[in-house]
Amino acid sequence: MHNHNIDITKNIRTIEILKSNLLSEVAFLYEIMAHAKIADEEKEETISNIIALSYILAHKLSINHNTLEKKVNAKLTKGGDQ
């Protein structure tokens, strides 16, 4: 039983770190978008980090990647209109 509590605590800590990293990447994206001369490669890298962190966070929250991809594709099909 003690190991189960450690696993839950570790998972919660990991989720909090992922959330923090995701927020940092979004903040960095805002920062680099404010500068006109930032290379597209840096913007692409930051956006890909945001997407990757989102998938990792979804996995930690027990969200199925196939379900997530279907929802993302549905939003993309709508053209981003929410």
Protein backbone atom coordinates (compact mmCIF):
# COMPACT_ATOMS: atom_id res chain seq x y z
CA MET A 1 0.00 0.00 0.00
CA HIS A 2 2.86 2.35 0.80
CA ASN A 3 4.30 1.99 -2.73
CA HIS A 4 0.92 2.87 -4.22
CA ASN A 5 0.93 6.18 -2.32
CA ILE A 6 4.45 6.90 -3.56
CA ASP A 7 3.34 6.22 -7.16
CA ILE A 8 0.39 8.59 -6.83
CA THR A 9 2.58 11.29 -5.30
CA LYS A 10 5.18 10.84 -8.03
CA ASN A 11 2.49 11.03 -10.73
CA ILE A 12 1.02 14.21 -9.23
CA ARG A 13 4.49 15.77 -9.07
CA THR A 14 5.15 14.80 -12.69
CA ILE A 15 1.84 16.33 -13.79
CA GLU A 16 2.66 19.56 -11.94
CA ILE A 17 6.09 19.71 -13.63
CA LEU A 18 4.50 19.10 -17.04
CA LYS A 19 1.95 21.86 -16.43
CA SER A 20 4.72 24.23 -15.41
CA ASN A 21 6.81 23.35 -18.47
CA LEU A 22 3.80 23.80 -20.73
CA LEU A 23 3.07 27.21 -19.26
CA SER A 24 6.73 28.21 -19.65
CA GLU A 25 6.73 27.19 -23.31
CA VAL A 26 3.55 29.19 -23.99
CA ALA A 27 5.07 32.21 -22.25
CA PHE A 28 8.25 31.80 -24.30
CA LEU A 29 6.17 31.62 -27.49
CA TYR A 30 4.54 34.95 -26.59
CA GLU A 31 7.98 36.40 -25.91
CA ILE A 32 9.50 35.31 -29.21
CA MET A 33 6.44 36.41 -31.18
CA ALA A 34 6.96 39.92 -29.79
CA HIS A 35 10.30 40.08 -31.59
CA ALA A 36 10.07 40.51 -35.34
CA LYS A 37 13.42 38.92 -36.19
CA ILE A 38 13.08 35.55 -34.46
CA ALA A 39 13.80 32.66 -36.81
CA ASP A 40 10.90 30.45 -37.86
CA GLU A 41 12.91 27.47 -36.61
CA GLU A 42 12.74 28.77 -33.03
CA LYS A 43 8.98 29.35 -33.32
CA GLU A 44 8.53 25.86 -34.78
CA GLU A 45 10.63 24.33 -32.00
CA THR A 46 8.60 26.07 -29.31
CA ILE A 47 5.26 25.10 -30.82
CA SER A 48 6.41 21.50 -31.23
CA ASN A 49 7.45 21.52 -27.55
CA ILE A 50 3.96 22.72 -26.60
CA ILE A 51 2.35 19.94 -28.64
CA ALA A 52 4.69 17.27 -27.25
CA LEU A 53 4.13 18.41 -23.66
CA SER A 54 0.38 18.36 -24.28
CA TYR A 55 0.54 14.75 -25.44
CA ILE A 56 2.72 13.73 -22.50
CA LEU A 57 0.36 15.47 -20.09
CA ALA A 58 -2.63 13.78 -21.72
CA HIS A 59 -0.92 10.41 -21.28
CA LYS A 60 -0.28 11.13 -17.58
CA LEU A 61 -3.95 12.07 -17.22
CA SER A 62 -4.93 8.73 -18.81
CA ILE A 63 -6.27 10.33 -21.97
CA ASN A 64 -6.00 8.00 -24.93
CA HIS A 65 -3.78 9.40 -27.71
CA ASN A 66 -6.15 8.16 -30.43
CA THR A 67 -9.07 9.95 -28.81
CA LEU A 68 -6.97 13.08 -28.41
CA GLU A 69 -5.89 12.98 -32.05
CA LYS A 70 -9.49 12.57 -33.21
CA LYS A 71 -10.51 15.64 -31.21
CA VAL A 72 -7.56 17.66 -32.53
CA ASN A 73 -8.29 16.61 -36.11
CA ALA A 74 -11.96 17.54 -35.68
CA LYS A 75 -10.92 21.01 -34.50
CA LEU A 76 -8.49 21.35 -37.42
CA THR A 77 -11.22 20.26 -39.85
CA LYS A 78 -13.44 23.02 -38.52
CA GLY A 79 -10.64 25.46 -39.30
CA GLY A 80 -9.99 26.38 -35.71
CA ASP A 81 -13.48 27.82 -35.18
CA GLN A 82 -14.50 27.11 -31.63
